[in-house]
Every structure is written in C-alpha cells, then in structure tokens.
C-alpha cells in the first residue's frame, strides 16, 4: 500500500497555478482509478482510496503539508510515500525522480521532510524559474503561460503514467530511467 501525495494550495484562486501541479497529477490519477473519498478532519486534506493506495491532496497550504501527510501515513500505517511537486530548478516540462534529497527551498517539501523524514520518492515537475529571484513567490502562484498550457495535459499524463508504474511495483529507479523527460519531450 502506498501514499501518493500531490502538493498544492487549497482554493479556486490557486487551482491552475504552477505550485499546484501536484494536485493536477493527483486529479489525473483519480480519473484512472475507481476510488472512494476517505477524508477525515484529522487528515487536513482530501484523501481517496483506490485499491490498496491512498491519494492525498493536503488542504493545509504548502508550508504545513507535512501535518496532513503524517496524519494519513500513520492512520493507514503506510511505508511507501510518493510526493509529486513543482520544482523551480528544472525547466518547464521536465520530469525527474529522486529518493531523499534536499528541499531546495520548497516550503511543502520542508514541511514533509520535517514530518516524515526525507525517505520518500519525489516526482519533480519542472516549472522553470523567474528571471528575478525576488519574483519566486509570485511566479509559483501564477498560472502557466499560454505556450505551457498547450502541453500541460500531456505532461501531467506522462507524470501520472510514471506514478502508475511505481504503484505497479516497478522499481522507482527503473521508472526514472524510462520516464524522466525534458521540456523538448513534451510537445
């Protein structure tokens, strides 16, 4: 049994922002599986059970996501955790995988690391970086550009395909070697 977490922020105003790419992948995965809502107030998030897996969208805002992840992980006694998140250090459209690693200043990852340690699989989705470092906050909370939106559905689908393979007991490193993509791979 695995816990698959998509990082994002709750609320309609954030739904289509770069920071919510994790939520978007969870939504795509939920379209693919028969699932039931298993949310509890103690989870502080939307939790769905599909087969033997739990899909989670923390509703705590990014900097407190770890509370939600820990609550669901402990409730279901889950060992494997997969976290899907935006990554400023990768160009738009890149898809990379990692076990452990640093948070790179990502508040959601900082919170998850503090709550459950760094021992989880990361699905890193590149969103690029603004030219001015002082614009990072507004950049991650902005919508994708028109050009980016043209390939967004395909990119999300590719990320969901990769997560499905991990859930089907294919070693994450093998999945990483087969599914890591760069921007030019997304048309």
N, C-alpha and C. Protein backbone atom coordinates (compact mmCIF):
# COMPACT_ATOMS: atom_id res chain seq x y z
N UNK A 1 0.85 -1.18 0.00
CA UNK A 1 0.00 0.00 0.00
C UNK A 1 0.89 1.24 0.00
N UNK A 2 0.53 2.21 -0.82
CA UNK A 2 1.32 3.43 -0.95
C UNK A 2 0.47 4.66 -0.70
N UNK A 3 1.14 5.71 -0.28
CA UNK A 3 0.53 7.03 -0.15
C UNK A 3 1.10 7.90 -1.25
N UNK A 4 0.22 8.42 -2.10
CA UNK A 4 0.64 9.29 -3.19
C UNK A 4 0.11 10.68 -2.87
N UNK A 5 1.03 11.63 -2.71
CA UNK A 5 0.70 12.98 -2.29
C UNK A 5 0.98 13.95 -3.43
N UNK A 6 0.01 14.79 -3.73
CA UNK A 6 0.24 15.88 -4.66
C UNK A 6 0.28 17.17 -3.86
N UNK A 7 1.35 17.93 -3.99
CA UNK A 7 1.44 19.18 -3.24
C UNK A 7 0.76 20.30 -4.01
N UNK A 8 0.13 21.18 -3.26
CA UNK A 8 -0.56 22.33 -3.83
C UNK A 8 -1.17 23.16 -2.72
N UNK A 9 -1.92 24.15 -3.11
CA UNK A 9 -2.63 25.01 -2.16
C UNK A 9 -4.12 24.88 -2.40
N UNK A 10 -4.91 24.89 -1.33
CA UNK A 10 -6.36 24.80 -1.49
C UNK A 10 -6.94 26.12 -2.01
N UNK A 11 -8.08 26.03 -2.64
CA UNK A 11 -8.79 27.22 -3.08
C UNK A 11 -8.76 27.40 -4.59
N UNK A 12 -9.87 27.89 -5.11
CA UNK A 12 -10.02 28.07 -6.55
C UNK A 12 -8.98 29.03 -7.13
N UNK A 13 -8.57 30.03 -6.35
CA UNK A 13 -7.60 31.00 -6.86
C UNK A 13 -6.24 30.39 -7.15
N UNK A 14 -5.94 29.20 -6.60
CA UNK A 14 -4.66 28.54 -6.81
C UNK A 14 -4.76 27.34 -7.76
N UNK A 15 -5.94 26.96 -8.15
CA UNK A 15 -6.17 25.71 -8.88
C UNK A 15 -5.29 25.52 -10.11
N UNK A 16 -5.07 26.56 -10.87
CA UNK A 16 -4.32 26.40 -12.12
C UNK A 16 -2.91 26.99 -12.05
N UNK A 17 -2.39 27.16 -10.84
CA UNK A 17 -1.06 27.75 -10.69
C UNK A 17 0.03 26.69 -10.75
N UNK A 18 1.24 27.16 -10.99
CA UNK A 18 2.40 26.28 -11.09
C UNK A 18 2.60 25.47 -9.80
N UNK A 19 2.34 26.10 -8.67
CA UNK A 19 2.54 25.45 -7.37
C UNK A 19 1.58 24.28 -7.18
N UNK A 20 0.52 24.21 -7.97
CA UNK A 20 -0.50 23.17 -7.80
C UNK A 20 -0.36 22.01 -8.78
N UNK A 21 0.79 21.89 -9.42
CA UNK A 21 0.97 20.80 -10.38
C UNK A 21 0.79 19.44 -9.71
N UNK A 22 1.15 19.32 -8.44
CA UNK A 22 0.95 18.06 -7.72
C UNK A 22 -0.52 17.69 -7.61
N UNK A 23 -1.36 18.68 -7.31
CA UNK A 23 -2.81 18.44 -7.27
C UNK A 23 -3.32 18.00 -8.64
N UNK A 24 -2.79 18.61 -9.69
CA UNK A 24 -3.24 18.29 -11.05
C UNK A 24 -2.94 16.84 -11.41
N UNK A 25 -1.77 16.35 -10.99
CA UNK A 25 -1.42 14.95 -11.27
C UNK A 25 -2.31 14.02 -10.44
N UNK A 26 -2.58 14.36 -9.19
CA UNK A 26 -3.49 13.53 -8.39
C UNK A 26 -4.86 13.47 -9.06
N UNK A 27 -5.36 14.60 -9.54
CA UNK A 27 -6.65 14.61 -10.23
C UNK A 27 -6.64 13.69 -11.44
N UNK A 28 -5.54 13.69 -12.20
CA UNK A 28 -5.41 12.80 -13.37
C UNK A 28 -5.41 11.34 -12.93
N UNK A 29 -4.68 11.03 -11.87
CA UNK A 29 -4.65 9.65 -11.38
C UNK A 29 -6.03 9.19 -10.90
N UNK A 30 -6.76 10.08 -10.25
CA UNK A 30 -8.08 9.71 -9.76
C UNK A 30 -9.06 9.45 -10.90
N UNK A 31 -8.84 10.08 -12.06
CA UNK A 31 -9.67 9.79 -13.24
C UNK A 31 -9.46 8.36 -13.72
N UNK A 32 -8.30 7.81 -13.43
CA UNK A 32 -7.92 6.49 -13.93
C UNK A 32 -8.33 5.33 -13.02
N UNK A 33 -8.65 5.64 -11.78
CA UNK A 33 -8.96 4.61 -10.80
C UNK A 33 -10.35 4.80 -10.21
N UNK A 34 -11.06 3.69 -10.00
CA UNK A 34 -12.26 3.74 -9.18
C UNK A 34 -11.78 4.04 -7.78
N UNK A 35 -12.38 5.01 -7.13
CA UNK A 35 -11.89 5.42 -5.81
C UNK A 35 -13.05 5.87 -4.92
N UNK A 36 -12.75 5.91 -3.65
CA UNK A 36 -13.72 6.44 -2.69
C UNK A 36 -13.06 7.48 -1.81
N UNK A 37 -13.83 8.48 -1.45
CA UNK A 37 -13.33 9.53 -0.58
C UNK A 37 -13.24 8.97 0.84
N UNK A 38 -12.06 9.02 1.44
CA UNK A 38 -11.85 8.52 2.80
C UNK A 38 -11.36 9.65 3.72
N UNK A 39 -11.64 10.88 3.32
CA UNK A 39 -11.17 12.04 4.08
C UNK A 39 -11.76 12.05 5.49
N UNK A 40 -10.95 12.49 6.43
CA UNK A 40 -11.35 12.71 7.82
C UNK A 40 -10.82 14.08 8.21
N UNK A 41 -11.46 14.73 9.14
CA UNK A 41 -10.99 16.06 9.54
C UNK A 41 -9.55 16.02 10.04
N UNK A 42 -9.16 14.92 10.69
CA UNK A 42 -7.79 14.81 11.20
C UNK A 42 -6.75 14.74 10.08
N UNK A 43 -7.17 14.39 8.87
CA UNK A 43 -6.24 14.30 7.74
C UNK A 43 -5.86 15.68 7.21
N UNK A 44 -6.68 16.67 7.46
CA UNK A 44 -6.44 18.03 6.96
C UNK A 44 -6.15 18.00 5.46
N UNK A 45 -6.90 17.18 4.74
CA UNK A 45 -6.71 17.07 3.31
C UNK A 45 -7.77 16.20 2.69
N UNK A 46 -7.79 16.19 1.37
CA UNK A 46 -8.69 15.32 0.62
C UNK A 46 -7.95 14.00 0.39
N UNK A 47 -8.50 12.91 0.91
CA UNK A 47 -7.88 11.59 0.79
C UNK A 47 -8.84 10.65 0.06
N UNK A 48 -8.27 9.88 -0.85
CA UNK A 48 -9.06 8.96 -1.66
C UNK A 48 -8.37 7.60 -1.67
N UNK A 49 -9.18 6.54 -1.52
CA UNK A 49 -8.64 5.19 -1.55
C UNK A 49 -9.00 4.58 -2.90
N UNK A 50 -7.99 4.04 -3.55
CA UNK A 50 -8.18 3.35 -4.83
C UNK A 50 -7.41 2.04 -4.72
N UNK A 51 -8.11 0.95 -4.64
CA UNK A 51 -7.45 -0.34 -4.42
C UNK A 51 -6.73 -0.29 -3.11
N UNK A 52 -5.43 -0.54 -3.15
CA UNK A 52 -4.66 -0.53 -1.91
C UNK A 52 -3.84 0.75 -1.74
N UNK A 53 -4.16 1.75 -2.52
CA UNK A 53 -3.40 3.00 -2.47
C UNK A 53 -4.26 4.15 -1.96
N UNK A 54 -3.60 5.11 -1.31
CA UNK A 54 -4.25 6.32 -0.83
C UNK A 54 -3.67 7.51 -1.59
N UNK A 55 -4.53 8.34 -2.15
CA UNK A 55 -4.13 9.55 -2.85
C UNK A 55 -4.52 10.73 -1.97
N UNK A 56 -3.62 11.69 -1.81
CA UNK A 56 -3.83 12.79 -0.88
C UNK A 56 -3.51 14.13 -1.50
N UNK A 57 -4.42 15.08 -1.28
CA UNK A 57 -4.17 16.49 -1.59
C UNK A 57 -4.30 17.24 -0.27
N UNK A 58 -3.16 17.58 0.38
CA UNK A 58 -3.23 18.31 1.65
C UNK A 58 -3.94 19.65 1.47
N UNK A 59 -4.81 19.99 2.39
CA UNK A 59 -5.56 21.25 2.33
C UNK A 59 -5.08 22.22 3.40
N UNK A 60 -3.80 22.15 3.71
CA UNK A 60 -3.22 22.93 4.80
C UNK A 60 -2.43 24.15 4.33
N UNK A 61 -2.35 24.36 3.05
CA UNK A 61 -1.40 25.27 2.42
C UNK A 61 -0.03 24.61 2.46
N UNK A 62 0.78 25.01 1.53
CA UNK A 62 2.04 24.34 1.25
C UNK A 62 2.93 24.18 2.49
N UNK A 63 3.12 25.23 3.25
CA UNK A 63 4.09 25.19 4.34
C UNK A 63 3.69 24.31 5.52
N UNK A 64 2.47 23.76 5.50
CA UNK A 64 2.03 22.85 6.56
C UNK A 64 1.64 21.47 6.03
N UNK A 65 1.97 21.18 4.79
CA UNK A 65 1.55 19.93 4.15
C UNK A 65 2.00 18.69 4.92
N UNK A 66 3.12 18.76 5.58
CA UNK A 66 3.64 17.61 6.32
C UNK A 66 2.68 17.10 7.38
N UNK A 67 1.92 18.00 8.01
CA UNK A 67 0.94 17.57 9.03
C UNK A 67 -0.07 16.61 8.41
N UNK A 68 -0.57 16.95 7.24
CA UNK A 68 -1.55 16.12 6.55
C UNK A 68 -0.93 14.79 6.13
N UNK A 69 0.26 14.85 5.55
CA UNK A 69 0.94 13.63 5.10
C UNK A 69 1.18 12.69 6.28
N UNK A 70 1.68 13.21 7.38
CA UNK A 70 1.95 12.39 8.57
C UNK A 70 0.68 11.75 9.10
N UNK A 71 -0.39 12.51 9.16
CA UNK A 71 -1.66 12.01 9.69
C UNK A 71 -2.16 10.82 8.87
N UNK A 72 -2.16 10.95 7.56
CA UNK A 72 -2.65 9.87 6.68
C UNK A 72 -1.69 8.68 6.71
N UNK A 73 -0.39 8.95 6.66
CA UNK A 73 0.62 7.89 6.69
C UNK A 73 0.48 7.05 7.96
N UNK A 74 0.32 7.71 9.09
CA UNK A 74 0.18 6.99 10.36
C UNK A 74 -1.14 6.24 10.46
N UNK A 75 -2.23 6.87 10.01
CA UNK A 75 -3.56 6.26 10.11
C UNK A 75 -3.59 4.93 9.35
N UNK A 76 -3.03 4.91 8.14
CA UNK A 76 -3.04 3.71 7.31
C UNK A 76 -1.78 2.85 7.45
N UNK A 77 -0.84 3.30 8.29
CA UNK A 77 0.41 2.58 8.52
C UNK A 77 1.13 2.29 7.19
N UNK A 78 1.34 3.35 6.43
CA UNK A 78 1.93 3.24 5.10
C UNK A 78 3.44 3.41 5.16
N UNK A 79 4.14 2.61 4.37
CA UNK A 79 5.59 2.70 4.30
C UNK A 79 6.03 3.55 3.12
N UNK A 80 5.54 3.21 1.92
CA UNK A 80 5.98 3.93 0.72
C UNK A 80 5.17 5.21 0.53
N UNK A 81 5.89 6.31 0.39
CA UNK A 81 5.27 7.60 0.14
C UNK A 81 5.88 8.18 -1.14
N UNK A 82 5.02 8.67 -2.01
CA UNK A 82 5.42 9.33 -3.25
C UNK A 82 4.87 10.75 -3.19
N UNK A 83 5.72 11.74 -3.36
CA UNK A 83 5.29 13.14 -3.32
C UNK A 83 5.53 13.77 -4.69
N UNK A 84 4.48 14.33 -5.27
CA UNK A 84 4.54 14.98 -6.58
C UNK A 84 4.53 16.49 -6.34
N UNK A 85 5.53 17.20 -6.90
CA UNK A 85 5.63 18.62 -6.60
C UNK A 85 6.28 19.41 -7.73
N UNK A 86 6.06 20.71 -7.70
CA UNK A 86 6.71 21.63 -8.64
C UNK A 86 8.16 21.81 -8.23
N UNK A 87 9.01 22.09 -9.24
CA UNK A 87 10.43 22.26 -8.97
C UNK A 87 10.98 23.42 -9.80
N UNK A 88 11.40 24.47 -9.12
CA UNK A 88 11.96 25.66 -9.77
C UNK A 88 13.30 25.39 -10.45
N UNK A 89 14.02 24.38 -9.99
CA UNK A 89 15.36 24.11 -10.50
C UNK A 89 15.37 23.33 -11.81
N UNK A 90 14.20 22.95 -12.29
CA UNK A 90 14.08 22.23 -13.56
C UNK A 90 13.29 23.08 -14.54
N UNK A 91 13.63 23.03 -15.83
CA UNK A 91 12.87 23.81 -16.81
C UNK A 91 11.45 23.28 -16.95
N UNK A 92 10.56 24.13 -17.42
CA UNK A 92 9.17 23.71 -17.62
C UNK A 92 9.14 22.44 -18.47
N UNK A 93 8.33 21.49 -18.02
CA UNK A 93 8.12 20.25 -18.76
C UNK A 93 9.05 19.12 -18.36
N UNK A 94 10.06 19.41 -17.56
CA UNK A 94 10.97 18.35 -17.11
C UNK A 94 10.26 17.48 -16.08
N UNK A 95 10.62 16.22 -16.07
CA UNK A 95 10.08 15.27 -15.10
C UNK A 95 11.26 14.45 -14.60
N UNK A 96 11.50 14.52 -13.29
CA UNK A 96 12.62 13.80 -12.68
C UNK A 96 12.13 13.11 -11.42
N UNK A 97 12.92 12.14 -10.98
CA UNK A 97 12.57 11.34 -9.82
C UNK A 97 13.76 11.29 -8.88
N UNK A 98 13.46 11.20 -7.59
CA UNK A 98 14.54 11.20 -6.61
C UNK A 98 14.04 10.56 -5.31
N UNK A 99 14.94 9.88 -4.65
CA UNK A 99 14.68 9.37 -3.31
C UNK A 99 15.53 10.19 -2.37
N UNK A 100 14.94 10.68 -1.31
CA UNK A 100 15.64 11.55 -0.37
C UNK A 100 15.95 12.89 -1.03
N UNK A 101 17.01 13.53 -0.63
CA UNK A 101 17.43 14.79 -1.23
C UNK A 101 16.98 15.99 -0.43
N UNK A 102 17.47 17.14 -0.86
CA UNK A 102 17.15 18.39 -0.19
C UNK A 102 15.82 18.95 -0.65
N UNK A 103 15.36 19.98 0.04
CA UNK A 103 14.08 20.58 -0.29
C UNK A 103 14.20 21.73 -1.27
N UNK A 104 15.42 22.22 -1.49
CA UNK A 104 15.64 23.29 -2.47
C UNK A 104 14.85 24.56 -2.18
N UNK A 105 14.51 24.79 -0.91
CA UNK A 105 13.74 25.98 -0.55
C UNK A 105 12.24 25.82 -0.72
N UNK A 106 11.78 24.65 -1.15
CA UNK A 106 10.35 24.39 -1.35
C UNK A 106 9.68 24.18 0.01
N UNK A 107 8.77 25.07 0.37
CA UNK A 107 8.15 25.01 1.70
C UNK A 107 7.34 23.74 1.93
N UNK A 108 6.71 23.21 0.90
CA UNK A 108 5.96 21.97 1.04
C UNK A 108 6.87 20.81 1.37
N UNK A 109 8.01 20.74 0.67
CA UNK A 109 8.96 19.66 0.94
C UNK A 109 9.60 19.82 2.32
N UNK A 110 9.89 21.07 2.71
CA UNK A 110 10.43 21.31 4.06
C UNK A 110 9.48 20.74 5.11
N UNK A 111 8.20 20.99 4.94
CA UNK A 111 7.19 20.53 5.89
C UNK A 111 7.09 19.00 5.89
N UNK A 112 7.08 18.39 4.71
CA UNK A 112 7.01 16.92 4.62
C UNK A 112 8.27 16.30 5.22
N UNK A 113 9.44 16.84 4.89
CA UNK A 113 10.70 16.33 5.45
C UNK A 113 10.67 16.36 6.98
N UNK A 114 10.21 17.46 7.54
CA UNK A 114 10.16 17.61 9.00
C UNK A 114 9.18 16.61 9.63
N UNK A 115 8.11 16.29 8.90
CA UNK A 115 7.08 15.41 9.45
C UNK A 115 7.41 13.93 9.33
N UNK A 116 7.95 13.51 8.17
CA UNK A 116 8.13 12.07 7.95
C UNK A 116 9.56 11.68 7.57
N UNK A 117 10.51 12.56 7.63
CA UNK A 117 11.89 12.41 7.17
C UNK A 117 11.94 12.54 5.65
N UNK A 118 13.12 12.40 5.08
CA UNK A 118 13.30 12.57 3.64
C UNK A 118 13.19 11.26 2.87
N UNK A 119 12.82 10.19 3.53
CA UNK A 119 12.79 8.86 2.92
C UNK A 119 11.50 8.62 2.14
N UNK A 120 11.34 9.37 1.06
CA UNK A 120 10.18 9.18 0.19
C UNK A 120 10.59 9.48 -1.25
N UNK A 121 9.81 8.96 -2.18
CA UNK A 121 10.08 9.16 -3.60
C UNK A 121 9.50 10.51 -4.01
N UNK A 122 10.30 11.29 -4.70
CA UNK A 122 9.86 12.60 -5.18
C UNK A 122 9.67 12.55 -6.69
N UNK A 123 8.53 13.03 -7.13
CA UNK A 123 8.29 13.20 -8.56
C UNK A 123 8.39 14.70 -8.78
N UNK A 124 9.51 15.11 -9.37
CA UNK A 124 9.84 16.53 -9.52
C UNK A 124 9.38 17.01 -10.90
N UNK A 125 8.51 18.00 -10.90
CA UNK A 125 7.97 18.53 -12.14
C UNK A 125 8.47 19.96 -12.34
N UNK A 126 9.31 20.12 -13.34
CA UNK A 126 9.96 21.41 -13.57
C UNK A 126 8.99 22.49 -14.02
N UNK A 127 9.05 23.62 -13.34
CA UNK A 127 8.21 24.76 -13.71
C UNK A 127 9.05 25.94 -14.17
N UNK A 128 10.38 25.77 -14.18
CA UNK A 128 11.26 26.87 -14.56
C UNK A 128 11.42 27.84 -13.40
N UNK A 129 12.14 28.90 -13.67
CA UNK A 129 12.46 29.89 -12.63
C UNK A 129 12.29 31.27 -13.22
N UNK A 130 11.76 32.22 -12.45
CA UNK A 130 11.65 33.58 -12.97
C UNK A 130 13.03 34.20 -13.12
N UNK A 131 13.14 35.20 -13.97
CA UNK A 131 14.43 35.86 -14.19
C UNK A 131 14.94 36.55 -12.93
N UNK A 132 14.04 37.14 -12.16
CA UNK A 132 14.39 37.86 -10.95
C UNK A 132 14.09 36.99 -9.74
N UNK A 133 15.10 36.73 -8.91
CA UNK A 133 14.91 35.89 -7.71
C UNK A 133 13.81 36.41 -6.79
N UNK A 134 13.61 37.72 -6.76
CA UNK A 134 12.60 38.32 -5.90
C UNK A 134 11.18 38.03 -6.35
N UNK A 135 11.02 37.42 -7.52
CA UNK A 135 9.68 37.14 -8.05
C UNK A 135 9.25 35.68 -7.86
N UNK A 136 10.02 34.89 -7.13
CA UNK A 136 9.72 33.47 -6.99
C UNK A 136 8.32 33.23 -6.44
N UNK A 137 7.95 33.92 -5.38
CA UNK A 137 6.63 33.71 -4.77
C UNK A 137 5.50 33.98 -5.76
N UNK A 138 5.57 35.11 -6.45
CA UNK A 138 4.50 35.42 -7.40
C UNK A 138 4.56 34.48 -8.60
N UNK A 139 5.76 34.01 -8.97
CA UNK A 139 5.90 33.10 -10.11
C UNK A 139 5.22 31.76 -9.82
N UNK A 140 5.51 31.15 -8.67
CA UNK A 140 4.93 29.83 -8.37
C UNK A 140 3.41 29.92 -8.19
N UNK A 141 2.93 31.09 -7.82
CA UNK A 141 1.48 31.27 -7.64
C UNK A 141 0.79 31.83 -8.89
N UNK A 142 1.53 31.87 -10.00
CA UNK A 142 0.94 32.34 -11.26
C UNK A 142 0.51 31.14 -12.10
N UNK A 143 -0.37 31.41 -13.05
CA UNK A 143 -0.82 30.37 -13.97
C UNK A 143 0.25 30.10 -15.02
N UNK A 144 0.16 28.95 -15.64
CA UNK A 144 1.07 28.60 -16.72
C UNK A 144 0.80 29.52 -17.91
N UNK A 145 1.83 29.79 -18.69
CA UNK A 145 1.69 30.64 -19.88
C UNK A 145 0.84 29.91 -20.92
N UNK A 146 0.40 30.64 -21.92
CA UNK A 146 -0.40 30.04 -22.98
C UNK A 146 0.39 28.93 -23.69
N UNK A 147 1.67 29.17 -23.96
CA UNK A 147 2.51 28.14 -24.59
C UNK A 147 2.63 26.91 -23.71
N UNK A 148 2.82 27.12 -22.40
CA UNK A 148 2.94 26.00 -21.47
C UNK A 148 1.62 25.22 -21.38
N UNK A 149 0.51 25.94 -21.38
CA UNK A 149 -0.79 25.28 -21.28
C UNK A 149 -1.04 24.34 -22.45
N UNK A 150 -0.44 24.63 -23.60
CA UNK A 150 -0.63 23.78 -24.78
C UNK A 150 -0.09 22.37 -24.56
N UNK A 151 0.92 22.21 -23.70
CA UNK A 151 1.49 20.88 -23.46
C UNK A 151 1.25 20.38 -22.03
N UNK A 152 0.49 21.13 -21.25
CA UNK A 152 0.28 20.79 -19.84
C UNK A 152 -0.41 19.43 -19.66
N UNK A 153 -1.47 19.16 -20.40
CA UNK A 153 -2.21 17.90 -20.24
C UNK A 153 -1.33 16.70 -20.54
N UNK A 154 -0.51 16.79 -21.59
CA UNK A 154 0.38 15.68 -21.95
C UNK A 154 1.42 15.44 -20.85
N UNK A 155 1.97 16.53 -20.33
CA UNK A 155 2.97 16.45 -19.27
C UNK A 155 2.40 15.82 -18.01
N UNK A 156 1.22 16.26 -17.63
CA UNK A 156 0.54 15.69 -16.45
C UNK A 156 0.27 14.21 -16.67
N UNK A 157 -0.17 13.85 -17.86
CA UNK A 157 -0.44 12.46 -18.19
C UNK A 157 0.82 11.60 -18.10
N UNK A 158 1.94 12.13 -18.58
CA UNK A 158 3.21 11.39 -18.51
C UNK A 158 3.64 11.18 -17.06
N UNK A 159 3.44 12.19 -16.23
CA UNK A 159 3.77 12.05 -14.81
C UNK A 159 2.88 10.99 -14.16
N UNK A 160 1.60 11.01 -14.48
CA UNK A 160 0.67 10.02 -13.94
C UNK A 160 1.03 8.61 -14.41
N UNK A 161 1.44 8.47 -15.67
CA UNK A 161 1.88 7.16 -16.19
C UNK A 161 3.04 6.63 -15.36
N UNK A 162 4.00 7.49 -15.07
CA UNK A 162 5.17 7.08 -14.30
C UNK A 162 4.79 6.66 -12.89
N UNK A 163 3.92 7.43 -12.25
CA UNK A 163 3.48 7.08 -10.89
C UNK A 163 2.76 5.74 -10.91
N UNK A 164 1.95 5.51 -11.91
CA UNK A 164 1.24 4.22 -12.01
C UNK A 164 2.21 3.05 -12.08
N UNK A 165 3.30 3.23 -12.79
CA UNK A 165 4.28 2.15 -12.89
C UNK A 165 4.92 1.86 -11.52
N UNK A 166 5.21 2.91 -10.77
CA UNK A 166 5.74 2.70 -9.41
C UNK A 166 4.71 1.96 -8.57
N UNK A 167 3.44 2.33 -8.71
CA UNK A 167 2.38 1.66 -7.95
C UNK A 167 2.20 0.21 -8.36
N UNK A 168 2.61 -0.11 -9.58
CA UNK A 168 2.53 -1.49 -10.08
C UNK A 168 3.81 -2.26 -9.80
N UNK A 169 4.53 -1.81 -8.77
CA UNK A 169 5.72 -2.50 -8.25
C UNK A 169 6.90 -2.51 -9.20
N UNK A 170 6.98 -1.53 -10.08
CA UNK A 170 8.19 -1.38 -10.88
C UNK A 170 9.11 -0.46 -10.08
N UNK A 171 10.35 -0.87 -9.93
CA UNK A 171 11.31 -0.12 -9.14
C UNK A 171 11.36 1.34 -9.59
N UNK A 172 11.34 2.26 -8.65
CA UNK A 172 11.28 3.68 -8.99
C UNK A 172 12.48 4.11 -9.82
N UNK A 173 13.65 3.49 -9.60
CA UNK A 173 14.83 3.86 -10.38
C UNK A 173 14.68 3.45 -11.85
N UNK A 174 14.05 2.31 -12.08
CA UNK A 174 13.78 1.89 -13.46
C UNK A 174 12.76 2.85 -14.09
N UNK A 175 11.74 3.20 -13.32
CA UNK A 175 10.74 4.16 -13.81
C UNK A 175 11.43 5.48 -14.14
N UNK A 176 12.33 5.90 -13.27
CA UNK A 176 13.05 7.16 -13.51
C UNK A 176 13.84 7.10 -14.81
N UNK A 177 14.49 5.97 -15.06
CA UNK A 177 15.30 5.87 -16.28
C UNK A 177 14.42 5.86 -17.53
N UNK A 178 13.20 5.36 -17.42
CA UNK A 178 12.31 5.28 -18.58
C UNK A 178 11.43 6.52 -18.76
N UNK A 179 11.14 7.22 -17.66
CA UNK A 179 10.14 8.29 -17.72
C UNK A 179 10.66 9.69 -17.44
N UNK A 180 11.94 9.84 -17.11
CA UNK A 180 12.47 11.19 -16.93
C UNK A 180 12.43 11.87 -18.30
N UNK A 181 11.87 13.06 -18.31
CA UNK A 181 11.75 13.79 -19.58
C UNK A 181 12.26 15.20 -19.42
N UNK A 182 12.60 15.79 -20.54
CA UNK A 182 12.98 17.19 -20.56
C UNK A 182 11.93 17.94 -21.36
N UNK A 183 12.00 19.25 -21.33
CA UNK A 183 10.99 20.08 -21.95
C UNK A 183 10.73 19.71 -23.41
N UNK A 184 11.78 19.40 -24.17
CA UNK A 184 11.59 19.09 -25.58
C UNK A 184 10.83 17.80 -25.82
N UNK A 185 10.73 16.94 -24.79
CA UNK A 185 9.98 15.70 -24.91
C UNK A 185 8.47 15.93 -24.84
N UNK A 186 8.07 17.08 -24.30
CA UNK A 186 6.65 17.40 -24.17
C UNK A 186 6.29 18.30 -25.34
N UNK A 187 5.37 17.86 -26.14
CA UNK A 187 5.03 18.61 -27.36
C UNK A 187 3.80 19.45 -27.16
